[in-house]
PDB file of all heavy atoms in Angstrom:
ATOM      1  N   GLY A   1     107.806 121.319 127.065  1.00  0.00           N
ATOM      2  CA  GLY A   1     109.148 121.777 126.709  1.00  0.00           C
ATOM      3  C   GLY A   1     109.863 120.811 125.792  1.00  0.00           C
ATOM      4  O   GLY A   1     110.527 121.212 124.828  1.00  0.00           O
ATOM      5  N   GLY A   2     109.749 119.531 126.079  1.00  0.00           N
ATOM      6  CA  GLY A   2     110.419 118.529 125.257  1.00  0.00           C
ATOM      7  C   GLY A   2     109.888 118.490 123.841  1.00  0.00           C
ATOM      8  O   GLY A   2     110.657 118.384 122.873  1.00  0.00           O
ATOM      9  N   LYS A   3     108.585 118.573 123.708  1.00  0.00           N
ATOM     10  CA  LYS A   3     107.983 118.567 122.372  1.00  0.00           C
ATOM     11  C   LYS A   3     108.388 119.812 121.589  1.00  0.00           C
ATOM     12  O   LYS A   3     108.584 119.747 120.366  1.00  0.00           O
ATOM     13  CB  LYS A   3     106.467 118.486 122.482  1.00  0.00           C
ATOM     14  CG  LYS A   3     105.963 117.129 122.950  1.00  0.00           C
ATOM     15  CD  LYS A   3     104.455 117.127 123.125  1.00  0.00           C
ATOM     16  CE  LYS A   3     103.946 115.779 123.631  1.00  0.00           C
ATOM     17  NZ  LYS A   3     102.482 115.791 123.859  1.00  0.00           N
ATOM     18  N   THR A   4     108.532 120.931 122.285  1.00  0.00           N
ATOM     19  CA  THR A   4     108.956 122.161 121.614  1.00  0.00           C
ATOM     20  C   THR A   4     110.372 122.032 121.080  1.00  0.00           C
ATOM     21  O   THR A   4     110.670 122.438 119.946  1.00  0.00           O
ATOM     22  CB  THR A   4     108.863 123.354 122.580  1.00  0.00           C
ATOM     23  OG1 THR A   4     107.501 123.543 122.976  1.00  0.00           O
ATOM     24  CG2 THR A   4     109.371 124.626 121.923  1.00  0.00           C
ATOM     25  N   VAL A   5     111.262 121.461 121.888  1.00  0.00           N
ATOM     26  CA  VAL A   5     112.645 121.260 121.437  1.00  0.00           C
ATOM     27  C   VAL A   5     112.672 120.350 120.216  1.00  0.00           C
ATOM     28  O   VAL A   5     113.341 120.631 119.214  1.00  0.00           O
ATOM     29  CB  VAL A   5     113.512 120.668 122.566  1.00  0.00           C
ATOM     30  CG1 VAL A   5     114.905 120.308 122.047  1.00  0.00           C
ATOM     31  CG2 VAL A   5     113.632 121.656 123.721  1.00  0.00           C
ATOM     32  N   ALA A   6     111.936 119.240 120.280  1.00  0.00           N
ATOM     33  CA  ALA A   6     111.904 118.304 119.162  1.00  0.00           C
ATOM     34  C   ALA A   6     111.327 118.952 117.910  1.00  0.00           C
ATOM     35  O   ALA A   6     111.839 118.774 116.801  1.00  0.00           O
ATOM     36  CB  ALA A   6     111.097 117.065 119.544  1.00  0.00           C
ATOM     37  N   SER A   7     110.257 119.726 118.078  1.00  0.00           N
ATOM     38  CA  SER A   7     109.626 120.382 116.938  1.00  0.00           C
ATOM     39  C   SER A   7     110.559 121.400 116.291  1.00  0.00           C
ATOM     40  O   SER A   7     110.675 121.460 115.061  1.00  0.00           O
ATOM     41  CB  SER A   7     108.338 121.078 117.394  1.00  0.00           C
ATOM     42  OG  SER A   7     107.755 121.803 116.339  1.00  0.00           O
ATOM     43  N   THR A   8     111.249 122.172 117.125  1.00  0.00           N
ATOM     44  CA  THR A   8     112.173 123.184 116.601  1.00  0.00           C
ATOM     45  C   THR A   8     113.308 122.541 115.829  1.00  0.00           C
ATOM     46  O   THR A   8     113.688 123.007 114.740  1.00  0.00           O
ATOM     47  CB  THR A   8     112.727 124.038 117.750  1.00  0.00           C
ATOM     48  OG1 THR A   8     111.647 124.674 118.439  1.00  0.00           O
ATOM     49  CG2 THR A   8     113.683 125.101 117.229  1.00  0.00           C
ATOM     50  N   LEU A   9     113.857 121.467 116.364  1.00  0.00           N
ATOM     51  CA  LEU A   9     114.935 120.766 115.661  1.00  0.00           C
ATOM     52  C   LEU A   9     114.420 120.157 114.361  1.00  0.00           C
ATOM     53  O   LEU A   9     115.106 120.180 113.329  1.00  0.00           O
ATOM     54  CB  LEU A   9     115.525 119.684 116.553  1.00  0.00           C
ATOM     55  CG  LEU A   9     116.394 120.164 117.715  1.00  0.00           C
ATOM     56  CD1 LEU A   9     116.814 118.998 118.604  1.00  0.00           C
ATOM     57  CD2 LEU A   9     117.630 120.903 117.209  1.00  0.00           C
ATOM     58  N   GLY A  10     113.208 119.617 114.411  1.00  0.00           N
ATOM     59  CA  GLY A  10     112.637 119.038 113.204  1.00  0.00           C
ATOM     60  C   GLY A  10     112.434 120.058 112.114  1.00  0.00           C
ATOM     61  O   GLY A  10     112.670 119.784 110.930  1.00  0.00           O
ATOM     62  N   GLU A  11     112.010 121.247 112.496  1.00  0.00           N
ATOM     63  CA  GLU A  11     111.809 122.320 111.520  1.00  0.00           C
ATOM     64  C   GLU A  11     113.125 122.761 110.887  1.00  0.00           C
ATOM     65  O   GLU A  11     113.133 123.312 109.777  1.00  0.00           O
ATOM     66  CB  GLU A  11     111.137 123.514 112.193  1.00  0.00           C
ATOM     67  CG  GLU A  11     109.683 123.251 112.588  1.00  0.00           C
ATOM     68  CD  GLU A  11     109.110 124.351 113.458  1.00  0.00           C
ATOM     69  OE1 GLU A  11     109.867 125.311 113.761  1.00  0.00           O
ATOM     70  OE2 GLU A  11     107.928 124.262 113.845  1.00  0.00           O
ATOM     71  N   SER A  12     114.238 122.515 111.604  1.00  0.00           N
ATOM     72  CA  SER A  12     115.558 122.864 111.071  1.00  0.00           C
ATOM     73  C   SER A  12     116.157 121.744 110.230  1.00  0.00           C
ATOM     74  O   SER A  12     117.289 121.854 109.758  1.00  0.00           O
ATOM     75  CB  SER A  12     116.512 123.188 112.228  1.00  0.00           C
ATOM     76  OG  SER A  12     116.027 124.284 112.988  1.00  0.00           O
ATOM     77  N   GLY A  13     115.397 120.662 110.078  1.00  0.00           N
ATOM     78  CA  GLY A  13     115.846 119.573 109.220  1.00  0.00           C
ATOM     79  C   GLY A  13     116.493 118.418 109.950  1.00  0.00           C
ATOM     80  O   GLY A  13     116.885 117.436 109.315  1.00  0.00           O
ATOM     81  N   GLN A  14     116.606 118.517 111.278  1.00  0.00           N
ATOM     82  CA  GLN A  14     117.198 117.415 112.016  1.00  0.00           C
ATOM     83  C   GLN A  14     116.175 116.330 112.289  1.00  0.00           C
ATOM     84  O   GLN A  14     114.982 116.605 112.460  1.00  0.00           O
ATOM     85  CB  GLN A  14     117.793 117.902 113.341  1.00  0.00           C
ATOM     86  CG  GLN A  14     119.178 118.492 113.201  1.00  0.00           C
ATOM     87  CD  GLN A  14     119.140 120.005 113.184  1.00  0.00           C
ATOM     88  OE1 GLN A  14     118.078 120.590 113.205  1.00  0.00           O
ATOM     89  NE2 GLN A  14     120.293 120.637 113.131  1.00  0.00           N
ATOM     90  N   ARG A  15     116.660 115.094 112.357  1.00  0.00           N
ATOM     91  CA  ARG A  15     115.786 113.952 112.637  1.00  0.00           C
ATOM     92  C   ARG A  15     115.714 113.762 114.147  1.00  0.00           C
ATOM     93  O   ARG A  15     116.712 113.458 114.798  1.00  0.00           O
ATOM     94  CB  ARG A  15     116.347 112.701 111.961  1.00  0.00           C
ATOM     95  CG  ARG A  15     115.376 111.528 111.926  1.00  0.00           C
ATOM     96  CD  ARG A  15     115.983 110.371 111.168  1.00  0.00           C
ATOM     97  NE  ARG A  15     115.085 109.219 111.146  1.00  0.00           N
ATOM     98  CZ  ARG A  15     115.485 107.968 111.104  1.00  0.00           C
ATOM     99  NH1 ARG A  15     116.784 107.696 111.087  1.00  0.00           N
ATOM    100  NH2 ARG A  15     114.619 106.971 111.087  1.00  0.00           N
ATOM    101  N   THR A  16     114.524 113.944 114.691  1.00  0.00           N
ATOM    102  CA  THR A  16     114.397 113.901 116.137  1.00  0.00           C
ATOM    103  C   THR A  16     112.968 113.546 116.520  1.00  0.00           C
ATOM    104  O   THR A  16     112.059 113.576 115.691  1.00  0.00           O
ATOM    105  CB  THR A  16     114.788 115.260 116.757  1.00  0.00           C
ATOM    106  OG1 THR A  16     114.779 115.165 118.176  1.00  0.00           O
ATOM    107  CG2 THR A  16     113.835 116.345 116.315  1.00  0.00           C
ATOM    108  N   ALA A  17     112.769 113.201 117.783  1.00  0.00           N
ATOM    109  CA  ALA A  17     111.433 112.897 118.301  1.00  0.00           C
ATOM    110  C   ALA A  17     111.458 113.095 119.801  1.00  0.00           C
ATOM    111  O   ALA A  17     112.529 113.271 120.406  1.00  0.00           O
ATOM    112  CB  ALA A  17     111.023 111.465 117.942  1.00  0.00           C
ATOM    113  N   TYR A  18     110.274 113.047 120.403  1.00  0.00           N
ATOM    114  CA  TYR A  18     110.166 113.222 121.845  1.00  0.00           C
ATOM    115  C   TYR A  18     109.432 112.047 122.477  1.00  0.00           C
ATOM    116  O   TYR A  18     108.454 111.533 121.925  1.00  0.00           O
ATOM    117  CB  TYR A  18     109.410 114.507 122.191  1.00  0.00           C
ATOM    118  CG  TYR A  18     109.133 114.628 123.678  1.00  0.00           C
ATOM    119  CD1 TYR A  18     110.141 115.001 124.561  1.00  0.00           C
ATOM    120  CD2 TYR A  18     107.875 114.323 124.195  1.00  0.00           C
ATOM    121  CE1 TYR A  18     109.902 115.075 125.929  1.00  0.00           C
ATOM    122  CE2 TYR A  18     107.625 114.406 125.561  1.00  0.00           C
ATOM    123  CZ  TYR A  18     108.646 114.775 126.420  1.00  0.00           C
ATOM    124  OH  TYR A  18     108.419 114.838 127.774  1.00  0.00           O
ATOM    125  N   LEU A  19     109.917 111.632 123.656  1.00  0.00           N
ATOM    126  CA  LEU A  19     109.237 110.633 124.476  1.00  0.00           C
ATOM    127  C   LEU A  19     109.225 111.103 125.924  1.00  0.00           C
ATOM    128  O   LEU A  19     110.218 111.650 126.416  1.00  0.00           O
ATOM    129  CB  LEU A  19     109.952 109.280 124.407  1.00  0.00           C
ATOM    130  CG  LEU A  19     109.755 108.428 123.152  1.00  0.00           C
ATOM    131  CD1 LEU A  19     110.645 107.190 123.221  1.00  0.00           C
ATOM    132  CD2 LEU A  19     108.298 108.024 122.986  1.00  0.00           C
ATOM    133  N   HIS A  20     108.120 110.874 126.609  1.00  0.00           N
ATOM    134  CA  HIS A  20     108.055 111.159 128.039  1.00  0.00           C
ATOM    135  C   HIS A  20     108.893 110.121 128.778  1.00  0.00           C
ATOM    136  O   HIS A  20     108.787 108.928 128.522  1.00  0.00           O
ATOM    137  CB  HIS A  20     106.603 111.096 128.519  1.00  0.00           C
ATOM    138  CG  HIS A  20     106.449 111.350 129.988  1.00  0.00           C
ATOM    139  ND1 HIS A  20     106.233 112.618 130.498  1.00  0.00           N
ATOM    140  CD2 HIS A  20     106.507 110.513 131.064  1.00  0.00           C
ATOM    141  CE1 HIS A  20     106.135 112.546 131.813  1.00  0.00           C
ATOM    142  NE2 HIS A  20     106.307 111.281 132.179  1.00  0.00           N
ATOM    143  N   LEU A  21     109.735 110.588 129.701  1.00  0.00           N
ATOM    144  CA  LEU A  21     110.548 109.663 130.505  1.00  0.00           C
ATOM    145  C   LEU A  21     110.808 110.253 131.875  1.00  0.00           C
ATOM    146  O   LEU A  21     111.497 111.260 132.015  1.00  0.00           O
ATOM    147  CB  LEU A  21     111.885 109.373 129.802  1.00  0.00           C
ATOM    148  CG  LEU A  21     112.909 108.569 130.618  1.00  0.00           C
ATOM    149  CD1 LEU A  21     112.346 107.214 131.042  1.00  0.00           C
ATOM    150  CD2 LEU A  21     114.209 108.401 129.839  1.00  0.00           C
ATOM    151  N   ASP A  22     110.257 109.595 132.874  1.00  0.00           N
ATOM    152  CA  ASP A  22     110.599 109.870 134.264  1.00  0.00           C
ATOM    153  C   ASP A  22     111.694 108.874 134.625  1.00  0.00           C
ATOM    154  O   ASP A  22     111.447 107.660 134.691  1.00  0.00           O
ATOM    155  CB  ASP A  22     109.373 109.674 135.151  1.00  0.00           C
ATOM    156  CG  ASP A  22     109.649 110.022 136.608  1.00  0.00           C
ATOM    157  OD1 ASP A  22     110.836 110.117 136.994  1.00  0.00           O
ATOM    158  OD2 ASP A  22     108.676 110.188 137.368  1.00  0.00           O
ATOM    159  N   VAL A  23     112.899 109.350 134.855  1.00  0.00           N
ATOM    160  CA  VAL A  23     114.050 108.458 134.984  1.00  0.00           C
ATOM    161  C   VAL A  23     114.006 107.575 136.226  1.00  0.00           C
ATOM    162  O   VAL A  23     114.813 106.645 136.345  1.00  0.00           O
ATOM    163  CB  VAL A  23     115.374 109.249 134.952  1.00  0.00           C
ATOM    164  CG1 VAL A  23     115.557 109.931 133.611  1.00  0.00           C
ATOM    165  CG2 VAL A  23     115.464 110.237 136.111  1.00  0.00           C
ATOM    166  N   VAL A  24     113.105 107.831 137.150  1.00  0.00           N
ATOM    167  CA  VAL A  24     113.013 106.966 138.321  1.00  0.00           C
ATOM    168  C   VAL A  24     112.139 105.753 138.047  1.00  0.00           C
ATOM    169  O   VAL A  24     112.058 104.850 138.897  1.00  0.00           O
ATOM    170  CB  VAL A  24     112.470 107.730 139.554  1.00  0.00           C
ATOM    171  CG1 VAL A  24     113.295 108.980 139.814  1.00  0.00           C
ATOM    172  CG2 VAL A  24     110.999 108.079 139.396  1.00  0.00           C
ATOM    173  N   SER A  25     111.487 105.693 136.877  1.00  0.00           N
ATOM    174  CA  SER A  25     110.593 104.603 136.533  1.00  0.00           C
ATOM    175  C   SER A  25     111.294 103.579 135.648  1.00  0.00           C
ATOM    176  O   SER A  25     111.666 103.876 134.511  1.00  0.00           O
ATOM    177  CB  SER A  25     109.355 105.141 135.808  1.00  0.00           C
ATOM    178  OG  SER A  25     108.602 104.087 135.237  1.00  0.00           O
ATOM    179  N   GLU A  26     111.447 102.372 136.151  1.00  0.00           N
ATOM    180  CA  GLU A  26     112.083 101.321 135.353  1.00  0.00           C
ATOM    181  C   GLU A  26     111.256 100.996 134.113  1.00  0.00           C
ATOM    182  O   GLU A  26     111.803 100.794 133.022  1.00  0.00           O
ATOM    183  CB  GLU A  26     112.280 100.070 136.200  1.00  0.00           C
ATOM    184  CG  GLU A  26     113.100  98.998 135.513  1.00  0.00           C
ATOM    185  CD  GLU A  26     113.643  97.954 136.462  1.00  0.00           C
ATOM    186  OE1 GLU A  26     113.071  97.780 137.550  1.00  0.00           O
ATOM    187  OE2 GLU A  26     114.659  97.318 136.107  1.00  0.00           O
ATOM    188  N   GLN A  27     109.946 100.966 134.265  1.00  0.00           N
ATOM    189  CA  GLN A  27     109.083 100.677 133.128  1.00  0.00           C
ATOM    190  C   GLN A  27     109.221 101.736 132.039  1.00  0.00           C
ATOM    191  O   GLN A  27     109.286 101.410 130.846  1.00  0.00           O
ATOM    192  CB  GLN A  27     107.629 100.574 133.577  1.00  0.00           C
ATOM    193  CG  GLN A  27     106.662 100.241 132.440  1.00  0.00           C
ATOM    194  CD  GLN A  27     105.224 100.160 132.908  1.00  0.00           C
ATOM    195  OE1 GLN A  27     104.852 100.731 133.923  1.00  0.00           O
ATOM    196  NE2 GLN A  27     104.395  99.455 132.151  1.00  0.00           N
ATOM    197  N   GLN A  28     109.277 103.008 132.437  1.00  0.00           N
ATOM    198  CA  GLN A  28     109.410 104.065 131.437  1.00  0.00           C
ATOM    199  C   GLN A  28     110.769 104.019 130.749  1.00  0.00           C
ATOM    200  O   GLN A  28     110.872 104.351 129.561  1.00  0.00           O
ATOM    201  CB  GLN A  28     109.162 105.430 132.084  1.00  0.00           C
ATOM    202  CG  GLN A  28     107.702 105.655 132.440  1.00  0.00           C
ATOM    203  CD  GLN A  28     107.415 107.070 132.913  1.00  0.00           C
ATOM    204  OE1 GLN A  28     108.085 108.029 132.517  1.00  0.00           O
ATOM    205  NE2 GLN A  28     106.408 107.224 133.773  1.00  0.00           N
ATOM    206  N   TRP A  29     111.806 103.610 131.461  1.00  0.00           N
ATOM    207  CA  TRP A  29     113.111 103.431 130.820  1.00  0.00           C
ATOM    208  C   TRP A  29     113.035 102.331 129.758  1.00  0.00           C
ATOM    209  O   TRP A  29     113.557 102.481 128.646  1.00  0.00           O
ATOM    210  CB  TRP A  29     114.181 103.084 131.859  1.00  0.00           C
ATOM    211  CG  TRP A  29     115.014 104.235 132.282  1.00  0.00           C
ATOM    212  CD1 TRP A  29     115.099 104.794 133.526  1.00  0.00           C
ATOM    213  CD2 TRP A  29     115.926 104.989 131.453  1.00  0.00           C
ATOM    214  NE1 TRP A  29     115.978 105.849 133.528  1.00  0.00           N
ATOM    215  CE2 TRP A  29     116.511 105.987 132.279  1.00  0.00           C
ATOM    216  CE3 TRP A  29     116.290 104.930 130.118  1.00  0.00           C
ATOM    217  CZ2 TRP A  29     117.439 106.904 131.785  1.00  0.00           C
ATOM    218  CZ3 TRP A  29     117.218 105.851 129.627  1.00  0.00           C
ATOM    219  CH2 TRP A  29     117.768 106.818 130.463  1.00  0.00           C
ATOM    220  N   GLN A  30     112.408 101.231 130.097  1.00  0.00           N
ATOM    221  CA  GLN A  30     112.273 100.144 129.130  1.00  0.00           C
ATOM    222  C   GLN A  30     111.513 100.613 127.899  1.00  0.00           C
ATOM    223  O   GLN A  30     111.896 100.307 126.759  1.00  0.00           O
ATOM    224  CB  GLN A  30     111.551  98.969 129.790  1.00  0.00           C
ATOM    225  CG  GLN A  30     112.360  98.287 130.885  1.00  0.00           C
ATOM    226  CD  GLN A  30     111.548  97.284 131.684  1.00  0.00           C
ATOM    227  OE1 GLN A  30     110.407  97.550 132.058  1.00  0.00           O
ATOM    228  NE2 GLN A  30     112.123  96.125 131.935  1.00  0.00           N
ATOM    229  N   GLN A  31     110.460 101.375 128.107  1.00  0.00           N
ATOM    230  CA  GLN A  31     109.656 101.880 126.999  1.00  0.00           C
ATOM    231  C   GLN A  31     110.428 102.894 126.159  1.00  0.00           C
ATOM    232  O   GLN A  31     110.314 102.899 124.923  1.00  0.00           O
ATOM    233  CB  GLN A  31     108.371 102.502 127.541  1.00  0.00           C
ATOM    234  CG  GLN A  31     107.424 101.497 128.182  1.00  0.00           C
ATOM    235  CD  GLN A  31     106.268 102.154 128.920  1.00  0.00           C
ATOM    236  OE1 GLN A  31     106.314 103.355 129.251  1.00  0.00           O
ATOM    237  NE2 GLN A  31     105.230 101.399 129.199  1.00  0.00           N
ATOM    238  N   ALA A  32     111.218 103.747 126.816  1.00  0.00           N
ATOM    239  CA  ALA A  32     111.971 104.775 126.093  1.00  0.00           C
ATOM    240  C   ALA A  32     113.036 104.151 125.200  1.00  0.00           C
ATOM    241  O   ALA A  32     113.212 104.556 124.038  1.00  0.00           O
ATOM    242  CB  ALA A  32     112.607 105.755 127.076  1.00  0.00           C
ATOM    243  N   VAL A  33     113.759 103.175 125.724  1.00  0.00           N
ATOM    244  CA  VAL A  33     114.793 102.512 124.920  1.00  0.00           C
ATOM    245  C   VAL A  33     114.148 101.745 123.771  1.00  0.00           C
ATOM    246  O   VAL A  33     114.587 101.840 122.613  1.00  0.00           O
ATOM    247  CB  VAL A  33     115.654 101.588 125.794  1.00  0.00           C
ATOM    248  CG1 VAL A  33     116.603 100.765 124.917  1.00  0.00           C
ATOM    249  CG2 VAL A  33     116.449 102.405 126.813  1.00  0.00           C
ATOM    250  N   ALA A  34     113.091 100.989 124.087  1.00  0.00           N
ATOM    251  CA  ALA A  34     112.412 100.233 123.036  1.00  0.00           C
ATOM    252  C   ALA A  34     111.831 101.160 121.974  1.00  0.00           C
ATOM    253  O   ALA A  34     111.919 100.873 120.774  1.00  0.00           O
ATOM    254  CB  ALA A  34     111.306  99.375 123.653  1.00  0.00           C
ATOM    255  N   GLY A  35     111.268 102.284 122.410  1.00  0.00           N
ATOM    256  CA  GLY A  35     110.708 103.234 121.462  1.00  0.00           C
ATOM    257  C   GLY A  35     111.756 103.857 120.565  1.00  0.00           C
ATOM    258  O   GLY A  35     111.526 104.076 119.366  1.00  0.00           O
ATOM    259  N   THR A  36     112.927 104.149 121.131  1.00  0.00           N
ATOM    260  CA  THR A  36     114.023 104.719 120.348  1.00  0.00           C
ATOM    261  C   THR A  36     114.507 103.732 119.305  1.00  0.00           C
ATOM    262  O   THR A  36     114.698 104.078 118.124  1.00  0.00           O
ATOM    263  CB  THR A  36     115.186 105.121 121.271  1.00  0.00           C
ATOM    264  OG1 THR A  36     114.730 106.078 122.235  1.00  0.00           O
ATOM    265  CG2 THR A  36     116.340 105.719 120.477  1.00  0.00           C
ATOM    266  N   VAL A  37     114.707 102.488 119.719  1.00  0.00           N
ATOM    267  CA  VAL A  37     115.186 101.458 118.793  1.00  0.00           C
ATOM    268  C   VAL A  37     114.154 101.193 117.702  1.00  0.00           C
ATOM    269  O   VAL A  37     114.497 101.055 116.516  1.00  0.00           O
ATOM    270  CB  VAL A  37     115.518 100.165 119.561  1.00  0.00           C
ATOM    271  CG1 VAL A  37     115.835  99.032 118.589  1.00  0.00           C
ATOM    272  CG2 VAL A  37     116.687 100.397 120.505  1.00  0.00           C
ATOM    273  N   GLU A  38     112.890 101.148 118.084  1.00  0.00           N
ATOM    274  CA  GLU A  38     111.838 100.883 117.108  1.00  0.00           C
ATOM    275  C   GLU A  38     111.735 102.006 116.083  1.00  0.00           C
ATOM    276  O   GLU A  38     111.580 101.758 114.878  1.00  0.00           O
ATOM    277  CB  GLU A  38     110.506 100.705 117.823  1.00  0.00           C
ATOM    278  CG  GLU A  38     109.334 100.439 116.886  1.00  0.00           C
ATOM    279  CD  GLU A  38     108.018 100.271 117.616  1.00  0.00           C
ATOM    280  OE1 GLU A  38     108.014 100.298 118.867  1.00  0.00           O
ATOM    281  OE2 GLU A  38     106.982 100.133 116.937  1.00  0.00           O
ATOM    282  N   GLN A  39     111.831 103.256 116.556  1.00  0.00           N
ATOM    283  CA  GLN A  39     111.641 104.385 115.651  1.00  0.00           C
ATOM    284  C   GLN A  39     112.878 104.691 114.814  1.00  0.00           C
ATOM    285  O   GLN A  39     112.757 105.041 113.636  1.00  0.00           O
ATOM    286  CB  GLN A  39     111.246 105.626 116.443  1.00  0.00           C
ATOM    287  CG  GLN A  39     110.917 106.830 115.569  1.00  0.00           C
ATOM    288  CD  GLN A  39     110.159 107.899 116.330  1.00  0.00           C
ATOM    289  OE1 GLN A  39     109.753 107.718 117.468  1.00  0.00           O
ATOM    290  NE2 GLN A  39     109.949 109.046 115.705  1.00  0.00           N
ATOM    291  N   PHE A  40     114.065 104.531 115.416  1.00  0.00           N
ATOM    292  CA  PHE A  40     115.289 104.961 114.741  1.00  0.00           C
ATOM    293  C   PHE A  40     116.253 103.832 114.405  1.00  0.00           C
ATOM    294  O   PHE A  40     117.308 104.068 113.821  1.00  0.00           O
ATOM    295  CB  PHE A  40     116.007 106.005 115.598  1.00  0.00           C
ATOM    296  CG  PHE A  40     115.220 107.278 115.794  1.00  0.00           C
ATOM    297  CD1 PHE A  40     115.122 107.868 117.042  1.00  0.00           C
ATOM    298  CD2 PHE A  40     114.579 107.889 114.727  1.00  0.00           C
ATOM    299  CE1 PHE A  40     114.405 109.047 117.231  1.00  0.00           C
ATOM    300  CE2 PHE A  40     113.862 109.065 114.897  1.00  0.00           C
ATOM    301  CZ  PHE A  40     113.768 109.646 116.146  1.00  0.00           C
TER     302      PHE A  40
END
């Protein structure tokens, strides 16, 4: 579902991306923030 949302927005010209994030995981939160900063 997340990849579909990102793909649809991208096709409309918006700058977007998708990352897997289980919010109960501290490690995944660290990766999501770092990934966002690195990419954008």
